[in-house]
Amino acid sequence: YIALEAANNAIRHGRPHRIDISFHAGRRTGRLTVSNDGEPLPANEPRLKGMGLRIMQYRAAMCRGTFQIRSAAGGGAVITVTFDNTVSRDMA
């Protein structure tokens, strides 16, 4: 759901040409990265202002994970969620 929300936000707010989603699951930790080449993030707005961003942060926390959003080099945004891969499946 985090990847879906990140892609929807990119389409709605960033008008990207490309959205890349990558997922890596290691033995103990995992990482989800969603990046796009759309419009840059506004520099003067709080990063977790929107409801979609807060929901993604909440979902990451439910998986004992961390949520990070940053501007991508050349425009767009990168969302990274790093999570504990040992969490029970029914928690995710």
PDB file of N, CA and C in Angstrom:
ATOM      1  N   TYR A   1       0.812  -1.202   0.000  1.00  0.00           N
ATOM      2  CA  TYR A   1       0.000   0.000   0.000  1.00  0.00           C
ATOM      3  C   TYR A   1       0.857   1.268   0.000  1.00  0.00           C
ATOM      4  N   ILE A   2       2.037   1.183   0.592  1.00  0.00           N
ATOM      5  CA  ILE A   2       2.917   2.345   0.583  1.00  0.00           C
ATOM      6  C   ILE A   2       3.350   2.661  -0.848  1.00  0.00           C
ATOM      7  N   ALA A   3       3.740   1.647  -1.597  1.00  0.00           N
ATOM      8  CA  ALA A   3       4.160   1.859  -2.993  1.00  0.00           C
ATOM      9  C   ALA A   3       3.011   2.431  -3.820  1.00  0.00           C
ATOM     10  N   LEU A   4       1.813   1.923  -3.617  1.00  0.00           N
ATOM     11  CA  LEU A   4       0.651   2.420  -4.345  1.00  0.00           C
ATOM     12  C   LEU A   4       0.385   3.880  -4.019  1.00  0.00           C
ATOM     13  N   GLU A   5       0.432   4.228  -2.746  1.00  0.00           N
ATOM     14  CA  GLU A   5       0.191   5.616  -2.339  1.00  0.00           C
ATOM     15  C   GLU A   5       1.283   6.534  -2.872  1.00  0.00           C
ATOM     16  N   ALA A   6       2.534   6.066  -2.844  1.00  0.00           N
ATOM     17  CA  ALA A   6       3.643   6.877  -3.357  1.00  0.00           C
ATOM     18  C   ALA A   6       3.483   7.125  -4.857  1.00  0.00           C
ATOM     19  N   ALA A   7       3.088   6.102  -5.593  1.00  0.00           N
ATOM     20  CA  ALA A   7       2.879   6.263  -7.036  1.00  0.00           C
ATOM     21  C   ALA A   7       1.707   7.201  -7.301  1.00  0.00           C
ATOM     22  N   ASN A   8       0.617   7.034  -6.570  1.00  0.00           N
ATOM     23  CA  ASN A   8      -0.537   7.927  -6.731  1.00  0.00           C
ATOM     24  C   ASN A   8      -0.174   9.378  -6.428  1.00  0.00           C
ATOM     25  N   ASN A   9       0.594   9.596  -5.353  1.00  0.00           N
ATOM     26  CA  ASN A   9       1.018  10.954  -5.011  1.00  0.00           C
ATOM     27  C   ASN A   9       1.894  11.554  -6.103  1.00  0.00           C
ATOM     28  N   ALA A  10       2.797  10.744  -6.640  1.00  0.00           N
ATOM     29  CA  ALA A  10       3.673  11.231  -7.707  1.00  0.00           C
ATOM     30  C   ALA A  10       2.850  11.658  -8.920  1.00  0.00           C
ATOM     31  N   ILE A  11       1.901  10.835  -9.302  1.00  0.00           N
ATOM     32  CA  ILE A  11       1.057  11.149 -10.462  1.00  0.00           C
ATOM     33  C   ILE A  11       0.219  12.395 -10.193  1.00  0.00           C
ATOM     34  N   ARG A  12      -0.354  12.469  -9.008  1.00  0.00           N
ATOM     35  CA  ARG A  12      -1.250  13.570  -8.669  1.00  0.00           C
ATOM     36  C   ARG A  12      -0.519  14.901  -8.523  1.00  0.00           C
ATOM     37  N   HIS A  13       0.674  14.868  -7.908  1.00  0.00           N
ATOM     38  CA  HIS A  13       1.340  16.127  -7.569  1.00  0.00           C
ATOM     39  C   HIS A  13       2.590  16.424  -8.377  1.00  0.00           C
ATOM     40  N   GLY A  14       3.242  15.407  -8.919  1.00  0.00           N
ATOM     41  CA  GLY A  14       4.531  15.623  -9.545  1.00  0.00           C
ATOM     42  C   GLY A  14       4.566  15.538 -11.052  1.00  0.00           C
ATOM     43  N   ARG A  15       3.513  14.971 -11.647  1.00  0.00           N
ATOM     44  CA  ARG A  15       3.436  14.787 -13.100  1.00  0.00           C
ATOM     45  C   ARG A  15       4.710  14.171 -13.684  1.00  0.00           C
ATOM     46  N   PRO A  16       5.109  13.005 -13.196  1.00  0.00           N
ATOM     47  CA  PRO A  16       6.351  12.395 -13.679  1.00  0.00           C
ATOM     48  C   PRO A  16       6.168  11.708 -15.033  1.00  0.00           C
ATOM     49  N   HIS A  17       7.277  11.490 -15.703  1.00  0.00           N
ATOM     50  CA  HIS A  17       7.301  10.655 -16.907  1.00  0.00           C
ATOM     51  C   HIS A  17       7.573   9.212 -16.522  1.00  0.00           C
ATOM     52  N   ARG A  18       8.236   9.046 -15.391  1.00  0.00           N
ATOM     53  CA  ARG A  18       8.651   7.705 -14.972  1.00  0.00           C
ATOM     54  C   ARG A  18       8.557   7.580 -13.453  1.00  0.00           C
ATOM     55  N   ILE A  19       8.092   6.417 -12.996  1.00  0.00           N
ATOM     56  CA  ILE A  19       8.067   6.062 -11.579  1.00  0.00           C
ATOM     57  C   ILE A  19       8.752   4.708 -11.467  1.00  0.00           C
ATOM     58  N   ASP A  20       9.762   4.627 -10.609  1.00  0.00           N
ATOM     59  CA  ASP A  20      10.475   3.368 -10.380  1.00  0.00           C
ATOM     60  C   ASP A  20      10.176   2.872  -8.975  1.00  0.00           C
ATOM     61  N   ILE A  21       9.855   1.586  -8.874  1.00  0.00           N
ATOM     62  CA  ILE A  21       9.589   0.947  -7.590  1.00  0.00           C
ATOM     63  C   ILE A  21      10.561  -0.211  -7.444  1.00  0.00           C
ATOM     64  N   SER A  22      11.308  -0.215  -6.349  1.00  0.00           N
ATOM     65  CA  SER A  22      12.209  -1.339  -6.093  1.00  0.00           C
ATOM     66  C   SER A  22      11.969  -1.847  -4.677  1.00  0.00           C
ATOM     67  N   PHE A  23      12.178  -3.136  -4.521  1.00  0.00           N
ATOM     68  CA  PHE A  23      11.957  -3.796  -3.232  1.00  0.00           C
ATOM     69  C   PHE A  23      13.078  -4.788  -3.019  1.00  0.00           C
ATOM     70  N   HIS A  24      13.696  -4.711  -1.861  1.00  0.00           N
ATOM     71  CA  HIS A  24      14.735  -5.654  -1.506  1.00  0.00           C
ATOM     72  C   HIS A  24      14.413  -6.216  -0.130  1.00  0.00           C
ATOM     73  N   ALA A  25      14.362  -7.531  -0.027  1.00  0.00           N
ATOM     74  CA  ALA A  25      14.111  -8.187   1.254  1.00  0.00           C
ATOM     75  C   ALA A  25      15.337  -9.002   1.632  1.00  0.00           C
ATOM     76  N   GLY A  26      16.043  -8.533   2.625  1.00  0.00           N
ATOM     77  CA  GLY A  26      17.182  -9.268   3.157  1.00  0.00           C
ATOM     78  C   GLY A  26      16.732 -10.186   4.271  1.00  0.00           C
ATOM     79  N   ARG A  27      17.674 -10.807   4.893  1.00  0.00           N
ATOM     80  CA  ARG A  27      17.351 -11.755   5.968  1.00  0.00           C
ATOM     81  C   ARG A  27      16.685 -11.067   7.160  1.00  0.00           C
ATOM     82  N   ARG A  28      17.171  -9.891   7.525  1.00  0.00           N
ATOM     83  CA  ARG A  28      16.637  -9.200   8.693  1.00  0.00           C
ATOM     84  C   ARG A  28      15.930  -7.886   8.372  1.00  0.00           C
ATOM     85  N   THR A  29      16.330  -7.230   7.315  1.00  0.00           N
ATOM     86  CA  THR A  29      15.707  -5.953   6.967  1.00  0.00           C
ATOM     87  C   THR A  29      15.288  -5.952   5.505  1.00  0.00           C
ATOM     88  N   GLY A  30      14.371  -5.073   5.212  1.00  0.00           N
ATOM     89  CA  GLY A  30      13.921  -4.893   3.844  1.00  0.00           C
ATOM     90  C   GLY A  30      13.892  -3.419   3.512  1.00  0.00           C
ATOM     91  N   ARG A  31      13.814  -3.138   2.219  1.00  0.00           N
ATOM     92  CA  ARG A  31      13.777  -1.745   1.788  1.00  0.00           C
ATOM     93  C   ARG A  31      12.880  -1.609   0.566  1.00  0.00           C
ATOM     94  N   LEU A  32      11.985  -0.657   0.636  1.00  0.00           N
ATOM     95  CA  LEU A  32      11.128  -0.279  -0.477  1.00  0.00           C
ATOM     96  C   LEU A  32      11.546   1.117  -0.896  1.00  0.00           C
ATOM     97  N   THR A  33      11.780   1.313  -2.186  1.00  0.00           N
ATOM     98  CA  THR A  33      12.134   2.625  -2.708  1.00  0.00           C
ATOM     99  C   THR A  33      11.206   2.947  -3.873  1.00  0.00           C
ATOM    100  N   VAL A  34      10.602   4.112  -3.824  1.00  0.00           N
ATOM    101  CA  VAL A  34       9.752   4.596  -4.915  1.00  0.00           C
ATOM    102  C   VAL A  34      10.305   5.958  -5.319  1.00  0.00           C
ATOM    103  N   SER A  35      10.736   6.066  -6.568  1.00  0.00           N
ATOM    104  CA  SER A  35      11.295   7.328  -7.042  1.00  0.00           C
ATOM    105  C   SER A  35      10.595   7.745  -8.326  1.00  0.00           C
ATOM    106  N   ASN A  36      10.622   9.041  -8.579  1.00  0.00           N
ATOM    107  CA  ASN A  36      10.012   9.553  -9.804  1.00  0.00           C
ATOM    108  C   ASN A  36      10.834  10.721 -10.328  1.00  0.00           C
ATOM    109  N   ASP A  37      10.595  11.054 -11.590  1.00  0.00           N
ATOM    110  CA  ASP A  37      11.325  12.149 -12.231  1.00  0.00           C
ATOM    111  C   ASP A  37      10.432  13.366 -12.457  1.00  0.00           C
ATOM    112  N   GLY A  38       9.438  13.515 -11.607  1.00  0.00           N
ATOM    113  CA  GLY A  38       8.486  14.615 -11.767  1.00  0.00           C
ATOM    114  C   GLY A  38       8.998  15.927 -11.202  1.00  0.00           C
ATOM    115  N   GLU A  39       8.064  16.771 -10.857  1.00  0.00           N
ATOM    116  CA  GLU A  39       8.393  18.086 -10.321  1.00  0.00           C
ATOM    117  C   GLU A  39       9.104  17.925  -8.973  1.00  0.00           C
ATOM    118  N   PRO A  40      10.033  18.832  -8.659  1.00  0.00           N
ATOM    119  CA  PRO A  40      10.734  18.731  -7.383  1.00  0.00           C
ATOM    120  C   PRO A  40       9.800  18.991  -6.209  1.00  0.00           C
ATOM    121  N   LEU A  41      10.182  18.466  -5.062  1.00  0.00           N
ATOM    122  CA  LEU A  41       9.410  18.724  -3.847  1.00  0.00           C
ATOM    123  C   LEU A  41       9.510  20.204  -3.503  1.00  0.00           C
ATOM    124  N   PRO A  42       8.422  20.790  -3.024  1.00  0.00           N
ATOM    125  CA  PRO A  42       8.488  22.200  -2.601  1.00  0.00           C
ATOM    126  C   PRO A  42       9.487  22.351  -1.447  1.00  0.00           C
ATOM    127  N   ALA A  43      10.373  23.304  -1.545  1.00  0.00           N
ATOM    128  CA  ALA A  43      11.426  23.485  -0.536  1.00  0.00           C
ATOM    129  C   ALA A  43      10.887  24.069   0.763  1.00  0.00           C
ATOM    130  N   ASN A  44       9.807  24.819   0.703  1.00  0.00           N
ATOM    131  CA  ASN A  44       9.343  25.537   1.885  1.00  0.00           C
ATOM    132  C   ASN A  44       8.156  24.880   2.585  1.00  0.00           C
ATOM    133  N   GLU A  45       7.753  23.690   2.180  1.00  0.00           N
ATOM    134  CA  GLU A  45       6.618  23.031   2.824  1.00  0.00           C
ATOM    135  C   GLU A  45       7.105  21.908   3.727  1.00  0.00           C
ATOM    136  N   PRO A  46       6.422  21.689   4.847  1.00  0.00           N
ATOM    137  CA  PRO A  46       6.781  20.554   5.691  1.00  0.00           C
ATOM    138  C   PRO A  46       6.656  19.248   4.907  1.00  0.00           C
ATOM    139  N   ARG A  47       7.576  18.354   5.095  1.00  0.00           N
ATOM    140  CA  ARG A  47       7.629  17.131   4.301  1.00  0.00           C
ATOM    141  C   ARG A  47       6.473  16.179   4.566  1.00  0.00           C
ATOM    142  N   LEU A  48       5.922  16.159   5.757  1.00  0.00           N
ATOM    143  CA  LEU A  48       4.846  15.217   6.056  1.00  0.00           C
ATOM    144  C   LEU A  48       3.523  15.935   6.265  1.00  0.00           C
ATOM    145  N   LYS A  49       3.270  16.915   5.432  1.00  0.00           N
ATOM    146  CA  LYS A  49       2.056  17.722   5.554  1.00  0.00           C
ATOM    147  C   LYS A  49       0.825  16.985   5.053  1.00  0.00           C
ATOM    148  N   GLY A  50       0.924  16.306   3.921  1.00  0.00           N
ATOM    149  CA  GLY A  50      -0.240  15.692   3.300  1.00  0.00           C
ATOM    150  C   GLY A  50      -0.687  14.412   3.974  1.00  0.00           C
ATOM    151  N   MET A  51      -1.960  14.108   3.829  1.00  0.00           N
ATOM    152  CA  MET A  51      -2.533  12.906   4.428  1.00  0.00           C
ATOM    153  C   MET A  51      -1.866  11.646   3.879  1.00  0.00           C
ATOM    154  N   GLY A  52      -1.617  11.599   2.570  1.00  0.00           N
ATOM    155  CA  GLY A  52      -0.982  10.419   1.977  1.00  0.00           C
ATOM    156  C   GLY A  52       0.388  10.154   2.560  1.00  0.00           C
ATOM    157  N   LEU A  53       1.175  11.208   2.769  1.00  0.00           N
ATOM    158  CA  LEU A  53       2.505  11.046   3.356  1.00  0.00           C
ATOM    159  C   LEU A  53       2.418  10.573   4.800  1.00  0.00           C
ATOM    160  N   ARG A  54       1.462  11.104   5.537  1.00  0.00           N
ATOM    161  CA  ARG A  54       1.302  10.672   6.936  1.00  0.00           C
ATOM    162  C   ARG A  54       0.848   9.218   7.016  1.00  0.00           C
ATOM    163  N   ILE A  55      -0.011   8.800   6.087  1.00  0.00           N
ATOM    164  CA  ILE A  55      -0.459   7.406   6.066  1.00  0.00           C
ATOM    165  C   ILE A  55       0.709   6.483   5.741  1.00  0.00           C
ATOM    166  N   MET A  56       1.543   6.882   4.777  1.00  0.00           N
ATOM    167  CA  MET A  56       2.713   6.059   4.448  1.00  0.00           C
ATOM    168  C   MET A  56       3.650   5.954   5.648  1.00  0.00           C
ATOM    169  N   GLN A  57       3.850   7.054   6.353  1.00  0.00           N
ATOM    170  CA  GLN A  57       4.704   7.031   7.538  1.00  0.00           C
ATOM    171  C   GLN A  57       4.098   6.114   8.608  1.00  0.00           C
ATOM    172  N   TYR A  58       2.802   6.170   8.792  1.00  0.00           N
ATOM    173  CA  TYR A  58       2.123   5.319   9.769  1.00  0.00           C
ATOM    174  C   TYR A  58       2.279   3.842   9.406  1.00  0.00           C
ATOM    175  N   ARG A  59       2.074   3.506   8.138  1.00  0.00           N
ATOM    176  CA  ARG A  59       2.214   2.114   7.702  1.00  0.00           C
ATOM    177  C   ARG A  59       3.644   1.608   7.896  1.00  0.00           C
ATOM    178  N   ALA A  60       4.613   2.467   7.606  1.00  0.00           N
ATOM    179  CA  ALA A  60       6.009   2.080   7.827  1.00  0.00           C
ATOM    180  C   ALA A  60       6.251   1.805   9.309  1.00  0.00           C
ATOM    181  N   ALA A  61       5.715   2.648  10.175  1.00  0.00           N
ATOM    182  CA  ALA A  61       5.886   2.459  11.616  1.00  0.00           C
ATOM    183  C   ALA A  61       5.229   1.166  12.089  1.00  0.00           C
ATOM    184  N   MET A  62       4.116   0.786  11.476  1.00  0.00           N
ATOM    185  CA  MET A  62       3.435  -0.462  11.843  1.00  0.00           C
ATOM    186  C   MET A  62       4.310  -1.686  11.550  1.00  0.00           C
ATOM    187  N   CYS A  63       5.216  -1.552  10.614  1.00  0.00           N
ATOM    188  CA  CYS A  63       6.148  -2.642  10.270  1.00  0.00           C
ATOM    189  C   CYS A  63       7.494  -2.433  10.952  1.00  0.00           C
ATOM    190  N   ARG A  64       7.505  -1.622  12.002  1.00  0.00           N
ATOM    191  CA  ARG A  64       8.739  -1.272  12.703  1.00  0.00           C
ATOM    192  C   ARG A  64       9.770  -0.695  11.735  1.00  0.00           C
ATOM    193  N   GLY A  65       9.275   0.124  10.814  1.00  0.00           N
ATOM    194  CA  GLY A  65      10.150   0.688   9.800  1.00  0.00           C
ATOM    195  C   GLY A  65      10.323   2.179   9.921  1.00  0.00           C
ATOM    196  N   THR A  66      11.171   2.695   9.057  1.00  0.00           N
ATOM    197  CA  THR A  66      11.386   4.137   8.980  1.00  0.00           C
ATOM    198  C   THR A  66      10.937   4.614   7.600  1.00  0.00           C
ATOM    199  N   PHE A  67      10.429   5.809   7.554  1.00  0.00           N
ATOM    200  CA  PHE A  67       9.931   6.421   6.328  1.00  0.00           C
ATOM    201  C   PHE A  67      10.748   7.670   6.069  1.00  0.00           C
ATOM    202  N   GLN A  68      11.226   7.813   4.839  1.00  0.00           N
ATOM    203  CA  GLN A  68      12.000   8.993   4.482  1.00  0.00           C
ATOM    204  C   GLN A  68      11.569   9.472   3.099  1.00  0.00           C
ATOM    205  N   ILE A  69      11.444  10.773   2.948  1.00  0.00           N
ATOM    206  CA  ILE A  69      11.167  11.361   1.642  1.00  0.00           C
ATOM    207  C   ILE A  69      12.202  12.455   1.403  1.00  0.00           C
ATOM    208  N   ARG A  70      12.712  12.499   0.186  1.00  0.00           N
ATOM    209  CA  ARG A  70      13.699  13.508  -0.158  1.00  0.00           C
ATOM    210  C   ARG A  70      13.551  13.864  -1.629  1.00  0.00           C
ATOM    211  N   SER A  71      14.113  14.978  -1.985  1.00  0.00           N
ATOM    212  CA  SER A  71      14.132  15.383  -3.393  1.00  0.00           C
ATOM    213  C   SER A  71      15.129  14.522  -4.144  1.00  0.00           C
ATOM    214  N   ALA A  72      14.778  14.181  -5.367  1.00  0.00           N
ATOM    215  CA  ALA A  72      15.670  13.408  -6.221  1.00  0.00           C
ATOM    216  C   ALA A  72      16.585  14.358  -6.978  1.00  0.00           C
ATOM    217  N   ALA A  73      17.768  13.881  -7.297  1.00  0.00           N
ATOM    218  CA  ALA A  73      18.688  14.682  -8.110  1.00  0.00           C
ATOM    219  C   ALA A  73      18.034  14.918  -9.470  1.00  0.00           C
ATOM    220  N   GLY A  74      17.930  16.146  -9.880  1.00  0.00           N
ATOM    221  CA  GLY A  74      17.331  16.458 -11.169  1.00  0.00           C
ATOM    222  C   GLY A  74      15.823  16.608 -11.144  1.00  0.00           C
ATOM    223  N   GLY A  75      15.205  16.549  -9.977  1.00  0.00           N
ATOM    224  CA  GLY A  75      13.759  16.720  -9.868  1.00  0.00           C
ATOM    225  C   GLY A  75      13.083  15.454  -9.397  1.00  0.00           C
ATOM    226  N   GLY A  76      11.848  15.594  -8.994  1.00  0.00           N
ATOM    227  CA  GLY A  76      11.104  14.451  -8.501  1.00  0.00           C
ATOM    228  C   GLY A  76      11.367  14.193  -7.031  1.00  0.00           C
ATOM    229  N   ALA A  77      10.987  13.009  -6.591  1.00  0.00           N
ATOM    230  CA  ALA A  77      11.107  12.644  -5.186  1.00  0.00           C
ATOM    231  C   ALA A  77      11.501  11.187  -5.064  1.00  0.00           C
ATOM    232  N   VAL A  78      12.081  10.876  -3.911  1.00  0.00           N
ATOM    233  CA  VAL A  78      12.428   9.493  -3.576  1.00  0.00           C
ATOM    234  C   VAL A  78      11.856   9.205  -2.200  1.00  0.00           C
ATOM    235  N   ILE A  79      11.073   8.149  -2.125  1.00  0.00           N
ATOM    236  CA  ILE A  79      10.536   7.682  -0.851  1.00  0.00           C
ATOM    237  C   ILE A  79      11.226   6.366  -0.541  1.00  0.00           C
ATOM    238  N   THR A  80      11.776   6.271   0.669  1.00  0.00           N
ATOM    239  CA  THR A  80      12.454   5.052   1.094  1.00  0.00           C
ATOM    240  C   THR A  80      11.843   4.589   2.407  1.00  0.00           C
ATOM    241  N   VAL A  81      11.462   3.324   2.445  1.00  0.00           N
ATOM    242  CA  VAL A  81      10.979   2.707   3.674  1.00  0.00           C
ATOM    243  C   VAL A  81      11.910   1.539   3.976  1.00  0.00           C
ATOM    244  N   THR A  82      12.525   1.581   5.137  1.00  0.00           N
ATOM    245  CA  THR A  82      13.363   0.491   5.604  1.00  0.00           C
ATOM    246  C   THR A  82      12.621  -0.149   6.759  1.00  0.00           C
ATOM    247  N   PHE A  83      12.520  -1.474   6.729  1.00  0.00           N
ATOM    248  CA  PHE A  83      11.685  -2.131   7.726  1.00  0.00           C
ATOM    249  C   PHE A  83      12.341  -3.406   8.230  1.00  0.00           C
ATOM    250  N   ASP A  84      11.861  -3.836   9.371  1.00  0.00           N
ATOM    251  CA  ASP A  84      12.294  -5.072  10.014  1.00  0.00           C
ATOM    252  C   ASP A  84      11.617  -6.224   9.281  1.00  0.00           C
ATOM    253  N   ASN A  85      12.385  -7.069   8.651  1.00  0.00           N
ATOM    254  CA  ASN A  85      11.842  -8.169   7.850  1.00  0.00           C
ATOM    255  C   ASN A  85      11.405  -9.349   8.699  1.00  0.00           C
ATOM    256  N   THR A  86      11.578  -9.251  10.000  1.00  0.00           N
ATOM    257  CA  THR A  86      11.198 -10.356  10.884  1.00  0.00           C
ATOM    258  C   THR A  86       9.818 -10.143  11.507  1.00  0.00           C
ATOM    259  N   VAL A  87       9.147  -9.047  11.143  1.00  0.00           N
ATOM    260  CA  VAL A  87       7.818  -8.749  11.665  1.00  0.00           C
ATOM    261  C   VAL A  87       6.828  -9.791  11.133  1.00  0.00           C
ATOM    262  N   SER A  88       5.916 -10.191  11.980  1.00  0.00           N
ATOM    263  CA  SER A  88       4.877 -11.142  11.593  1.00  0.00           C
ATOM    264  C   SER A  88       4.098 -10.611  10.393  1.00  0.00           C
ATOM    265  N   ARG A  89       3.747 -11.491   9.475  1.00  0.00           N
ATOM    266  CA  ARG A  89       3.027 -11.082   8.262  1.00  0.00           C
ATOM    267  C   ARG A  89       1.698 -10.406   8.563  1.00  0.00           C
ATOM    268  N   ASP A  90       0.996 -10.805   9.610  1.00  0.00           N
ATOM    269  CA  ASP A  90      -0.298 -10.188   9.880  1.00  0.00           C
ATOM    270  C   ASP A  90      -0.144  -8.775  10.427  1.00  0.00           C
ATOM    271  N   MET A  91       1.061  -8.340  10.804  1.00  0.00           N
ATOM    272  CA  MET A  91       1.275  -6.947  11.215  1.00  0.00           C
ATOM    273  C   MET A  91       1.438  -6.056  10.002  1.00  0.00           C
ATOM    274  N   ALA A  92       1.963  -6.589   8.901  1.00  0.00           N
ATOM    275  CA  ALA A  92       2.205  -5.801   7.704  1.00  0.00           C
ATOM    276  C   ALA A  92       0.904  -5.618   6.975  1.00  0.00           C
TER     277      ALA A  92
END
